Amino acid sequence: MSTTSIETWAGADLSQIGPIYPMVGTEMILLIVGVLFWLAFHVLQARIERRELDADEAAAHGQERIARVFEDEARE
């Protein structure tokens, strides 16, 4: 099904046809926006993971956890 008057692309001069896809000319802007979102995602993900790691580390160094480890070692 053809929606244009073009029957074949062989030898077609695209400069005479005009845009063949929507939003022509926004490629660079969309690339920049995509890269910024990608970088922001990684920065935010790293912060979230750092907070979780710090919480896990603090829980592992708690007095109750250390006492349980020594009790388990004493039983063995």
PDB file of N, CA and C in Angstrom:
ATOM      1  N   MET A   1       0.852  -1.175   0.000  1.00  0.00           N
ATOM      2  CA  MET A   1       0.000   0.000   0.000  1.00  0.00           C
ATOM      3  C   MET A   1       0.892   1.230   0.000  1.00  0.00           C
ATOM      4  N   SER A   2       0.653   2.105  -0.887  1.00  0.00           N
ATOM      5  CA  SER A   2       1.443   3.328  -0.996  1.00  0.00           C
ATOM      6  C   SER A   2       0.593   4.521  -0.607  1.00  0.00           C
ATOM      7  N   THR A   3       1.156   5.394   0.220  1.00  0.00           N
ATOM      8  CA  THR A   3       0.424   6.597   0.620  1.00  0.00           C
ATOM      9  C   THR A   3       0.966   7.833  -0.089  1.00  0.00           C
ATOM     10  N   THR A   4       1.953   7.637  -0.959  1.00  0.00           N
ATOM     11  CA  THR A   4       2.512   8.738  -1.738  1.00  0.00           C
ATOM     12  C   THR A   4       2.456   8.389  -3.213  1.00  0.00           C
ATOM     13  N   SER A   5       2.870   9.314  -4.000  1.00  0.00           N
ATOM     14  CA  SER A   5       2.866   9.069  -5.445  1.00  0.00           C
ATOM     15  C   SER A   5       4.124   8.348  -5.904  1.00  0.00           C
ATOM     16  N   ILE A   6       5.008   7.966  -4.989  1.00  0.00           N
ATOM     17  CA  ILE A   6       6.261   7.291  -5.334  1.00  0.00           C
ATOM     18  C   ILE A   6       5.968   5.814  -5.552  1.00  0.00           C
ATOM     19  N   GLU A   7       6.342   5.311  -6.720  1.00  0.00           N
ATOM     20  CA  GLU A   7       6.139   3.892  -7.020  1.00  0.00           C
ATOM     21  C   GLU A   7       7.401   3.082  -6.778  1.00  0.00           C
ATOM     22  N   THR A   8       8.591   3.710  -6.890  1.00  0.00           N
ATOM     23  CA  THR A   8       9.843   3.019  -6.638  1.00  0.00           C
ATOM     24  C   THR A   8      10.847   4.021  -6.062  1.00  0.00           C
ATOM     25  N   TRP A   9      11.722   3.544  -5.178  1.00  0.00           N
ATOM     26  CA  TRP A   9      12.731   4.406  -4.575  1.00  0.00           C
ATOM     27  C   TRP A   9      14.001   4.456  -5.416  1.00  0.00           C
ATOM     28  N   ALA A  10      14.094   3.618  -6.416  1.00  0.00           N
ATOM     29  CA  ALA A  10      15.278   3.600  -7.277  1.00  0.00           C
ATOM     30  C   ALA A  10      15.365   4.916  -8.043  1.00  0.00           C
ATOM     31  N   GLY A  11      16.448   5.636  -7.832  1.00  0.00           N
ATOM     32  CA  GLY A  11      16.667   6.902  -8.533  1.00  0.00           C
ATOM     33  C   GLY A  11      15.854   8.063  -7.995  1.00  0.00           C
ATOM     34  N   ALA A  12      15.195   7.890  -6.851  1.00  0.00           N
ATOM     35  CA  ALA A  12      14.392   8.980  -6.284  1.00  0.00           C
ATOM     36  C   ALA A  12      15.298  10.022  -5.659  1.00  0.00           C
ATOM     37  N   ASP A  13      15.012  11.281  -5.876  1.00  0.00           N
ATOM     38  CA  ASP A  13      15.777  12.389  -5.297  1.00  0.00           C
ATOM     39  C   ASP A  13      15.045  12.846  -4.031  1.00  0.00           C
ATOM     40  N   LEU A  14      15.596  12.450  -2.868  1.00  0.00           N
ATOM     41  CA  LEU A  14      14.917  12.744  -1.603  1.00  0.00           C
ATOM     42  C   LEU A  14      14.807  14.235  -1.312  1.00  0.00           C
ATOM     43  N   SER A  15      15.709  15.036  -1.887  1.00  0.00           N
ATOM     44  CA  SER A  15      15.616  16.479  -1.659  1.00  0.00           C
ATOM     45  C   SER A  15      14.392  17.065  -2.345  1.00  0.00           C
ATOM     46  N   GLN A  16      13.893  16.416  -3.338  1.00  0.00           N
ATOM     47  CA  GLN A  16      12.690  16.886  -4.031  1.00  0.00           C
ATOM     48  C   GLN A  16      11.405  16.314  -3.424  1.00  0.00           C
ATOM     49  N   ILE A  17      11.544  15.215  -2.695  1.00  0.00           N
ATOM     50  CA  ILE A  17      10.365  14.551  -2.128  1.00  0.00           C
ATOM     51  C   ILE A  17       9.929  15.228  -0.838  1.00  0.00           C
ATOM     52  N   GLY A  18      10.890  15.611   0.019  1.00  0.00           N
ATOM     53  CA  GLY A  18      10.561  16.217   1.309  1.00  0.00           C
ATOM     54  C   GLY A  18      10.730  15.207   2.417  1.00  0.00           C
ATOM     55  N   PRO A  19      10.274  15.513   3.613  1.00  0.00           N
ATOM     56  CA  PRO A  19      10.456  14.609   4.749  1.00  0.00           C
ATOM     57  C   PRO A  19       9.742  13.282   4.512  1.00  0.00           C
ATOM     58  N   ILE A  20      10.412  12.199   4.877  1.00  0.00           N
ATOM     59  CA  ILE A  20       9.793  10.884   4.715  1.00  0.00           C
ATOM     60  C   ILE A  20       9.484  10.245   6.067  1.00  0.00           C
ATOM     61  N   TYR A  21       9.750  10.951   7.156  1.00  0.00           N
ATOM     62  CA  TYR A  21       9.396  10.480   8.494  1.00  0.00           C
ATOM     63  C   TYR A  21       9.073  11.702   9.359  1.00  0.00           C
ATOM     64  N   PRO A  22       8.291  11.520  10.412  1.00  0.00           N
ATOM     65  CA  PRO A  22       7.873  12.656  11.243  1.00  0.00           C
ATOM     66  C   PRO A  22       9.015  13.217  12.085  1.00  0.00           C
ATOM     67  N   MET A  23       8.893  14.459  12.466  1.00  0.00           N
ATOM     68  CA  MET A  23       9.823  15.173  13.359  1.00  0.00           C
ATOM     69  C   MET A  23      11.240  15.256  12.785  1.00  0.00           C
ATOM     70  N   VAL A  24      11.338  15.497  11.502  1.00  0.00           N
ATOM     71  CA  VAL A  24      12.643  15.643  10.867  1.00  0.00           C
ATOM     72  C   VAL A  24      13.327  16.865  11.446  1.00  0.00           C
ATOM     73  N   GLY A  25      14.598  16.715  11.808  1.00  0.00           N
ATOM     74  CA  GLY A  25      15.377  17.828  12.343  1.00  0.00           C
ATOM     75  C   GLY A  25      15.504  17.824  13.859  1.00  0.00           C
ATOM     76  N   THR A  26      14.802  16.917  14.523  1.00  0.00           N
ATOM     77  CA  THR A  26      14.869  16.879  15.992  1.00  0.00           C
ATOM     78  C   THR A  26      15.789  15.778  16.491  1.00  0.00           C
ATOM     79  N   GLU A  27      16.539  15.158  15.606  1.00  0.00           N
ATOM     80  CA  GLU A  27      17.364  14.016  15.989  1.00  0.00           C
ATOM     81  C   GLU A  27      18.398  14.394  17.044  1.00  0.00           C
ATOM     82  N   MET A  28      19.087  15.496  16.888  1.00  0.00           N
ATOM     83  CA  MET A  28      20.136  15.891  17.825  1.00  0.00           C
ATOM     84  C   MET A  28      19.541  16.246  19.184  1.00  0.00           C
ATOM     85  N   ILE A  29      18.418  16.939  19.188  1.00  0.00           N
ATOM     86  CA  ILE A  29      17.764  17.290  20.454  1.00  0.00           C
ATOM     87  C   ILE A  29      17.335  16.019  21.190  1.00  0.00           C
ATOM     88  N   LEU A  30      16.741  15.075  20.446  1.00  0.00           N
ATOM     89  CA  LEU A  30      16.311  13.825  21.067  1.00  0.00           C
ATOM     90  C   LEU A  30      17.500  13.016  21.563  1.00  0.00           C
ATOM     91  N   LEU A  31      18.609  13.050  20.859  1.00  0.00           N
ATOM     92  CA  LEU A  31      19.821  12.359  21.309  1.00  0.00           C
ATOM     93  C   LEU A  31      20.325  12.959  22.622  1.00  0.00           C
ATOM     94  N   ILE A  32      20.381  14.278  22.687  1.00  0.00           N
ATOM     95  CA  ILE A  32      20.855  14.953  23.901  1.00  0.00           C
ATOM     96  C   ILE A  32      19.930  14.647  25.079  1.00  0.00           C
ATOM     97  N   VAL A  33      18.628  14.709  24.854  1.00  0.00           N
ATOM     98  CA  VAL A  33      17.662  14.400  25.914  1.00  0.00           C
ATOM     99  C   VAL A  33      17.819  12.950  26.368  1.00  0.00           C
ATOM    100  N   GLY A  34      18.002  12.036  25.421  1.00  0.00           N
ATOM    101  CA  GLY A  34      18.185  10.625  25.764  1.00  0.00           C
ATOM    102  C   GLY A  34      19.441  10.387  26.580  1.00  0.00           C
ATOM    103  N   VAL A  35      20.541  11.015  26.199  1.00  0.00           N
ATOM    104  CA  VAL A  35      21.798  10.850  26.934  1.00  0.00           C
ATOM    105  C   VAL A  35      21.666  11.445  28.339  1.00  0.00           C
ATOM    106  N   LEU A  36      21.006  12.588  28.469  1.00  0.00           N
ATOM    107  CA  LEU A  36      20.814  13.195  29.793  1.00  0.00           C
ATOM    108  C   LEU A  36      19.970  12.293  30.699  1.00  0.00           C
ATOM    109  N   PHE A  37      18.888  11.732  30.161  1.00  0.00           N
ATOM    110  CA  PHE A  37      18.078  10.806  30.955  1.00  0.00           C
ATOM    111  C   PHE A  37      18.878   9.583  31.349  1.00  0.00           C
ATOM    112  N   TRP A  38      19.690   9.068  30.433  1.00  0.00           N
ATOM    113  CA  TRP A  38      20.508   7.885  30.694  1.00  0.00           C
ATOM    114  C   TRP A  38      21.502   8.160  31.822  1.00  0.00           C
ATOM    115  N   LEU A  39      22.185   9.301  31.752  1.00  0.00           N
ATOM    116  CA  LEU A  39      23.147   9.664  32.795  1.00  0.00           C
ATOM    117  C   LEU A  39      22.450   9.902  34.138  1.00  0.00           C
ATOM    118  N   ALA A  40      21.313  10.599  34.106  1.00  0.00           N
ATOM    119  CA  ALA A  40      20.572  10.865  35.342  1.00  0.00           C
ATOM    120  C   ALA A  40      20.118   9.558  35.983  1.00  0.00           C
ATOM    121  N   PHE A  41      19.678   8.599  35.177  1.00  0.00           N
ATOM    122  CA  PHE A  41      19.268   7.308  35.713  1.00  0.00           C
ATOM    123  C   PHE A  41      20.418   6.633  36.440  1.00  0.00           C
ATOM    124  N   HIS A  42      21.599   6.639  35.833  1.00  0.00           N
ATOM    125  CA  HIS A  42      22.740   5.962  36.451  1.00  0.00           C
ATOM    126  C   HIS A  42      23.184   6.660  37.732  1.00  0.00           C
ATOM    127  N   VAL A  43      23.148   7.969  37.757  1.00  0.00           N
ATOM    128  CA  VAL A  43      23.522   8.708  38.970  1.00  0.00           C
ATOM    129  C   VAL A  43      22.529   8.404  40.091  1.00  0.00           C
ATOM    130  N   LEU A  44      21.245   8.479  39.777  1.00  0.00           N
ATOM    131  CA  LEU A  44      20.237   8.199  40.802  1.00  0.00           C
ATOM    132  C   LEU A  44      20.297   6.750  41.264  1.00  0.00           C
ATOM    133  N   GLN A  45      20.506   5.822  40.357  1.00  0.00           N
ATOM    134  CA  GLN A  45      20.599   4.412  40.730  1.00  0.00           C
ATOM    135  C   GLN A  45      21.805   4.168  41.635  1.00  0.00           C
ATOM    136  N   ALA A  46      22.924   4.812  41.334  1.00  0.00           N
ATOM    137  CA  ALA A  46      24.116   4.656  42.167  1.00  0.00           C
ATOM    138  C   ALA A  46      23.872   5.200  43.573  1.00  0.00           C
ATOM    139  N   ARG A  47      23.163   6.311  43.686  1.00  0.00           N
ATOM    140  CA  ARG A  47      22.850   6.876  45.008  1.00  0.00           C
ATOM    141  C   ARG A  47      21.947   5.938  45.807  1.00  0.00           C
ATOM    142  N   ILE A  48      20.941   5.388  45.151  1.00  0.00           N
ATOM    143  CA  ILE A  48      20.022   4.472  45.826  1.00  0.00           C
ATOM    144  C   ILE A  48      20.769   3.234  46.308  1.00  0.00           C
ATOM    145  N   GLU A  49      21.602   2.674  45.439  1.00  0.00           N
ATOM    146  CA  GLU A  49      22.342   1.480  45.818  1.00  0.00           C
ATOM    147  C   GLU A  49      23.351   1.771  46.933  1.00  0.00           C
ATOM    148  N   ARG A  50      23.950   2.949  46.932  1.00  0.00           N
ATOM    149  CA  ARG A  50      24.899   3.318  47.991  1.00  0.00           C
ATOM    150  C   ARG A  50      24.178   3.404  49.329  1.00  0.00           C
ATOM    151  N   ARG A  51      22.977   4.008  49.347  1.00  0.00           N
ATOM    152  CA  ARG A  51      22.196   4.093  50.581  1.00  0.00           C
ATOM    153  C   ARG A  51      21.850   2.707  51.114  1.00  0.00           C
ATOM    154  N   GLU A  52      21.427   1.818  50.220  1.00  0.00           N
ATOM    155  CA  GLU A  52      21.083   0.456  50.637  1.00  0.00           C
ATOM    156  C   GLU A  52      22.313  -0.284  51.147  1.00  0.00           C
ATOM    157  N   LEU A  53      23.439  -0.115  50.481  1.00  0.00           N
ATOM    158  CA  LEU A  53      24.672  -0.769  50.908  1.00  0.00           C
ATOM    159  C   LEU A  53      25.117  -0.248  52.267  1.00  0.00           C
ATOM    160  N   ASP A  54      25.025   1.063  52.481  1.00  0.00           N
ATOM    161  CA  ASP A  54      25.393   1.630  53.782  1.00  0.00           C
ATOM    162  C   ASP A  54      24.484   1.100  54.892  1.00  0.00           C
ATOM    163  N   ALA A  55      23.181   0.966  54.607  1.00  0.00           N
ATOM    164  CA  ALA A  55      22.257   0.436  55.608  1.00  0.00           C
ATOM    165  C   ALA A  55      22.583  -1.023  55.919  1.00  0.00           C
ATOM    166  N   ASP A  56      22.874  -1.807  54.887  1.00  0.00           N
ATOM    167  CA  ASP A  56      23.241  -3.211  55.111  1.00  0.00           C
ATOM    168  C   ASP A  56      24.534  -3.325  55.900  1.00  0.00           C
ATOM    169  N   GLU A  57      25.489  -2.473  55.593  1.00  0.00           N
ATOM    170  CA  GLU A  57      26.773  -2.499  56.297  1.00  0.00           C
ATOM    171  C   GLU A  57      26.592  -2.095  57.764  1.00  0.00           C
ATOM    172  N   ALA A  58      25.772  -1.093  58.011  1.00  0.00           N
ATOM    173  CA  ALA A  58      25.524  -0.667  59.388  1.00  0.00           C
ATOM    174  C   ALA A  58      24.830  -1.782  60.171  1.00  0.00           C
ATOM    175  N   ALA A  59      23.911  -2.482  59.510  1.00  0.00           N
ATOM    176  CA  ALA A  59      23.223  -3.579  60.189  1.00  0.00           C
ATOM    177  C   ALA A  59      24.182  -4.729  60.477  1.00  0.00           C
ATOM    178  N   ALA A  60      25.118  -4.952  59.591  1.00  0.00           N
ATOM    179  CA  ALA A  60      26.079  -6.042  59.783  1.00  0.00           C
ATOM    180  C   ALA A  60      27.064  -5.726  60.898  1.00  0.00           C
ATOM    181  N   HIS A  61      27.310  -4.445  61.153  1.00  0.00           N
ATOM    182  CA  HIS A  61      28.258  -4.056  62.197  1.00  0.00           C
ATOM    183  C   HIS A  61      27.572  -3.748  63.522  1.00  0.00           C
ATOM    184  N   GLY A  62      26.272  -4.025  63.606  1.00  0.00           N
ATOM    185  CA  GLY A  62      25.551  -3.775  64.851  1.00  0.00           C
ATOM    186  C   GLY A  62      26.005  -4.725  65.948  1.00  0.00           C
ATOM    187  N   GLN A  63      25.851  -4.293  67.193  1.00  0.00           N
ATOM    188  CA  GLN A  63      26.298  -5.086  68.341  1.00  0.00           C
ATOM    189  C   GLN A  63      25.570  -6.419  68.423  1.00  0.00           C
ATOM    190  N   GLU A  64      24.291  -6.420  68.122  1.00  0.00           N
ATOM    191  CA  GLU A  64      23.522  -7.660  68.187  1.00  0.00           C
ATOM    192  C   GLU A  64      24.036  -8.670  67.164  1.00  0.00           C
ATOM    193  N   ARG A  65      24.324  -8.224  65.990  1.00  0.00           N
ATOM    194  CA  ARG A  65      24.830  -9.123  64.931  1.00  0.00           C
ATOM    195  C   ARG A  65      26.198  -9.674  65.318  1.00  0.00           C
ATOM    196  N   ILE A  66      27.062  -8.844  65.842  1.00  0.00           N
ATOM    197  CA  ILE A  66      28.403  -9.290  66.248  1.00  0.00           C
ATOM    198  C   ILE A  66      28.292 -10.314  67.369  1.00  0.00           C
ATOM    199  N   ALA A  67      27.394 -10.089  68.321  1.00  0.00           N
ATOM    200  CA  ALA A  67      27.200 -11.043  69.430  1.00  0.00           C
ATOM    201  C   ALA A  67      26.720 -12.392  68.904  1.00  0.00           C
ATOM    202  N   ARG A  68      25.784 -12.378  67.938  1.00  0.00           N
ATOM    203  CA  ARG A  68      25.297 -13.641  67.366  1.00  0.00           C
ATOM    204  C   ARG A  68      26.407 -14.402  66.653  1.00  0.00           C
ATOM    205  N   VAL A  69      27.264 -13.688  65.940  1.00  0.00           N
ATOM    206  CA  VAL A  69      28.369 -14.339  65.224  1.00  0.00           C
ATOM    207  C   VAL A  69      29.305 -15.008  66.223  1.00  0.00           C
ATOM    208  N   PHE A  70      29.649 -14.306  67.319  1.00  0.00           N
ATOM    209  CA  PHE A  70      30.541 -14.893  68.322  1.00  0.00           C
ATOM    210  C   PHE A  70      29.893 -16.074  69.037  1.00  0.00           C
ATOM    211  N   GLU A  71      28.591 -16.006  69.265  1.00  0.00           N
ATOM    212  CA  GLU A  71      27.886 -17.132  69.886  1.00  0.00           C
ATOM    213  C   GLU A  71      27.921 -18.359  68.972  1.00  0.00           C
ATOM    214  N   ASP A  72      27.692 -18.130  67.684  1.00  0.00           N
ATOM    215  CA  ASP A  72      27.723 -19.236  66.705  1.00  0.00           C
ATOM    216  C   ASP A  72      29.126 -19.834  66.642  1.00  0.00           C
ATOM    217  N   GLU A  73      30.144 -19.005  66.692  1.00  0.00           N
ATOM    218  CA  GLU A  73      31.517 -19.499  66.635  1.00  0.00           C
ATOM    219  C   GLU A  73      31.872 -20.271  67.904  1.00  0.00           C
ATOM    220  N   ALA A  74      31.340 -19.824  69.047  1.00  0.00           N
ATOM    221  CA  ALA A  74      31.651 -20.491  70.321  1.00  0.00           C
ATOM    222  C   ALA A  74      31.012 -21.881  70.374  1.00  0.00           C
ATOM    223  N   ARG A  75      29.833 -22.030  69.736  1.00  0.00           N
ATOM    224  CA  ARG A  75      29.149 -23.327  69.720  1.00  0.00           C
ATOM    225  C   ARG A  75      29.881 -24.334  68.855  1.00  0.00           C
ATOM    226  N   GLU A  76      30.550 -23.892  67.848  1.00  0.00           N
ATOM    227  CA  GLU A  76      31.249 -24.808  66.925  1.00  0.00           C
ATOM    228  C   GLU A  76      32.522 -25.207  67.511  1.00  0.00           C
TER     229      GLU A  76
END
